[in-house]
Amino acid sequence: MKLWRKKVCVVLLLGGAVVLSLGAPMRPLQGLRVPVDFYPDGTLKHELLAKEARALEDGTIEAKGVAFRLFSEDGEEEVLILAEDAMVNRADLRGHSDRAVSLTRDRLLLTGDGFEWNGAGATIRILRNVRVSFPSQMFRERVEDDGENDD
């Protein structure tokens, strides 16, 4: 009789573990690096890097510690977006976040809270508290250029 009870308890425990594991969310991946889009010639156009990420059932990637890189057709990085977290849908070429974000292009730095990226429309929008930082060297070059023209 005691052996029968042990078998039933083991079966119930195993069955409960299976049910719990089926309802559990997918484990996050560490150090994700995934291409998001390509130019017609196969050159990388957009790339998502994340310290931690997981794929949701609809194909959306939920990521933390995000670096989102956008490239020119020559393969040069044009824009770097850093965000605390982001949701990226590769199929729709869209991404968004409500948390702190920074965007670097050439020598400009934009920071703020939240962003929306539309790959099909080639737009990036910082949603709130936007700040633009110009390197001081850019102003010096402008002043020097203006001074040369006055002669």
Protein backbone atom coordinates (compact mmCIF):
# COMPACT_ATOMS: atom_id res chain seq x y z
CA MET A 1 0.00 0.00 0.00
CA LYS A 2 2.82 2.42 0.82
CA LEU A 3 4.49 1.71 -2.55
CA TRP A 4 1.25 2.57 -4.36
CA ARG A 5 1.04 5.93 -2.55
CA LYS A 6 4.63 6.75 -3.47
CA LYS A 7 3.95 5.99 -7.15
CA VAL A 8 0.84 8.21 -7.13
CA CYS A 9 2.77 11.05 -5.47
CA VAL A 10 5.59 10.78 -8.03
CA VAL A 11 3.10 10.79 -10.93
CA LEU A 12 1.28 13.82 -9.47
CA LEU A 13 4.55 15.70 -8.92
CA LEU A 14 5.78 14.96 -12.43
CA GLY A 15 2.42 15.87 -13.93
CA GLY A 16 2.38 19.15 -12.01
CA ALA A 17 5.90 19.97 -13.18
CA VAL A 18 4.88 19.37 -16.80
CA VAL A 19 1.80 21.58 -16.46
CA LEU A 20 3.85 24.36 -14.83
CA SER A 21 6.53 24.19 -17.50
CA LEU A 22 3.94 24.43 -20.30
CA GLY A 23 2.53 27.64 -18.84
CA ALA A 24 5.94 29.19 -18.10
CA PRO A 25 7.26 31.98 -20.33
CA MET A 26 10.18 31.23 -22.63
CA ARG A 27 13.58 31.58 -20.99
CA PRO A 28 15.50 34.72 -21.96
CA LEU A 29 18.48 34.43 -24.28
CA GLN A 30 21.72 36.08 -23.22
CA GLY A 31 23.82 38.13 -25.66
CA LEU A 32 21.37 38.24 -28.57
CA ARG A 33 22.56 39.50 -31.96
CA VAL A 34 20.03 39.21 -34.77
CA PRO A 35 19.67 40.82 -38.20
CA VAL A 36 16.34 42.59 -38.60
CA ASP A 37 16.38 43.67 -42.25
CA PHE A 38 18.54 43.60 -45.37
CA TYR A 39 19.01 45.74 -48.48
CA PRO A 40 18.00 44.09 -51.79
CA ASP A 41 21.64 43.13 -52.47
CA GLY A 42 21.79 41.25 -49.14
CA THR A 43 23.74 43.88 -47.20
CA LEU A 44 22.71 44.21 -43.55
CA LYS A 45 20.34 47.16 -43.03
CA HIS A 46 19.24 46.87 -39.36
CA GLU A 47 20.61 44.79 -36.51
CA LEU A 48 19.38 44.21 -32.96
CA LEU A 49 21.77 43.44 -30.12
CA ALA A 50 20.55 42.81 -26.58
CA LYS A 51 22.05 41.72 -23.30
CA GLU A 52 18.91 39.68 -22.67
CA ALA A 53 15.96 38.90 -24.92
CA ARG A 54 13.13 36.50 -25.48
CA ALA A 55 10.91 35.80 -28.45
CA LEU A 56 7.19 36.05 -27.88
CA GLU A 57 4.65 33.82 -29.61
CA ASP A 58 3.78 36.51 -32.19
CA GLY A 59 7.42 36.82 -33.27
CA THR A 60 8.08 40.05 -31.38
CA ILE A 61 11.41 40.22 -29.58
CA GLU A 62 11.30 41.59 -26.03
CA ALA A 63 14.81 42.85 -25.27
CA LYS A 64 16.75 44.47 -22.41
CA GLY A 65 20.05 46.31 -22.71
CA VAL A 66 19.37 47.11 -26.36
CA ALA A 67 21.72 48.34 -29.07
CA PHE A 68 19.94 48.82 -32.37
CA ARG A 69 22.22 49.52 -35.33
CA LEU A 70 21.16 50.97 -38.70
CA PHE A 71 23.54 50.70 -41.65
CA SER A 72 24.03 52.44 -44.99
CA GLU A 73 24.04 50.42 -48.22
CA ASP A 74 27.86 50.55 -48.02
CA GLY A 75 27.74 48.67 -44.71
CA GLU A 76 28.72 51.68 -42.58
CA GLU A 77 26.90 52.19 -39.30
CA GLU A 78 24.78 55.34 -39.68
CA VAL A 79 22.70 55.31 -36.51
CA LEU A 80 23.12 53.68 -33.11
CA ILE A 81 20.15 53.52 -30.76
CA LEU A 82 20.77 52.47 -27.16
CA ALA A 83 17.77 51.71 -24.96
CA GLU A 84 17.12 50.14 -21.60
CA ASP A 85 14.56 47.88 -23.24
CA ALA A 86 12.59 47.56 -26.46
CA MET A 87 10.01 45.50 -28.31
CA VAL A 88 11.00 44.75 -31.91
CA ASN A 89 8.85 43.07 -34.53
CA ARG A 90 11.06 41.86 -37.37
CA ALA A 91 8.13 40.98 -39.63
CA ASP A 92 6.58 44.49 -39.45
CA LEU A 93 9.96 46.29 -39.23
CA ARG A 94 8.81 48.17 -36.14
CA GLY A 95 10.20 48.72 -32.69
CA HIS A 96 9.36 50.79 -29.65
CA SER A 97 10.22 51.49 -26.05
CA ASP A 98 8.95 53.76 -23.28
CA ARG A 99 12.22 53.83 -21.34
CA ALA A 100 15.42 55.93 -21.57
CA VAL A 101 16.97 56.02 -25.04
CA SER A 102 19.91 57.61 -26.83
CA LEU A 103 20.43 57.98 -30.56
CA THR A 104 23.78 58.77 -32.14
CA ARG A 105 24.18 59.80 -35.76
CA ASP A 106 27.39 61.31 -37.10
CA ARG A 107 28.43 63.61 -34.28
CA LEU A 108 24.97 64.32 -32.88
CA LEU A 109 23.56 62.74 -29.75
CA LEU A 110 19.84 62.74 -29.03
CA THR A 111 18.52 61.46 -25.72
CA GLY A 112 15.06 61.13 -24.26
CA ASP A 113 12.40 58.77 -23.05
CA GLY A 114 10.86 56.27 -25.41
CA PHE A 115 11.22 55.78 -29.13
CA GLU A 116 9.36 54.43 -32.13
CA TRP A 117 11.19 52.94 -35.09
CA ASN A 118 9.53 52.26 -38.44
CA GLY A 119 11.92 50.46 -40.77
CA ALA A 120 9.56 50.50 -43.74
CA GLY A 121 9.08 54.26 -43.46
CA ALA A 122 12.71 54.84 -42.43
CA THR A 123 11.72 56.92 -39.40
CA ILE A 124 12.85 57.06 -35.79
CA ARG A 125 11.01 59.19 -33.27
CA ILE A 126 12.08 59.96 -29.70
CA LEU A 127 8.85 60.42 -27.77
CA ARG A 128 9.51 62.60 -24.68
CA ASN A 129 12.09 64.78 -22.95
CA VAL A 130 14.24 65.08 -26.06
CA ARG A 131 17.68 66.65 -25.73
CA VAL A 132 20.11 67.27 -28.57
CA SER A 133 23.84 67.44 -27.88
CA PHE A 134 26.26 68.92 -30.39
CA PRO A 135 29.96 68.34 -29.89
CA SER A 136 31.75 71.59 -29.04
CA GLN A 137 34.14 70.92 -31.92
CA MET A 138 31.22 71.32 -34.33
CA PHE A 139 30.65 74.89 -33.09
CA ARG A 140 34.36 75.73 -33.29
CA GLU A 141 34.46 74.55 -36.90
CA ARG A 142 31.41 76.70 -37.70
CA VAL A 143 32.97 79.81 -36.08
CA GLU A 144 36.27 79.21 -37.91
CA ASP A 145 34.41 78.82 -41.21
CA ASP A 146 32.51 82.07 -40.60
CA GLY A 147 35.73 83.89 -39.71
CA GLU A 148 37.44 82.81 -42.93
CA ASN A 149 34.60 84.14 -45.04
CA ASP A 150 34.82 87.64 -43.53
CA ASP A 151 38.24 88.41 -45.05
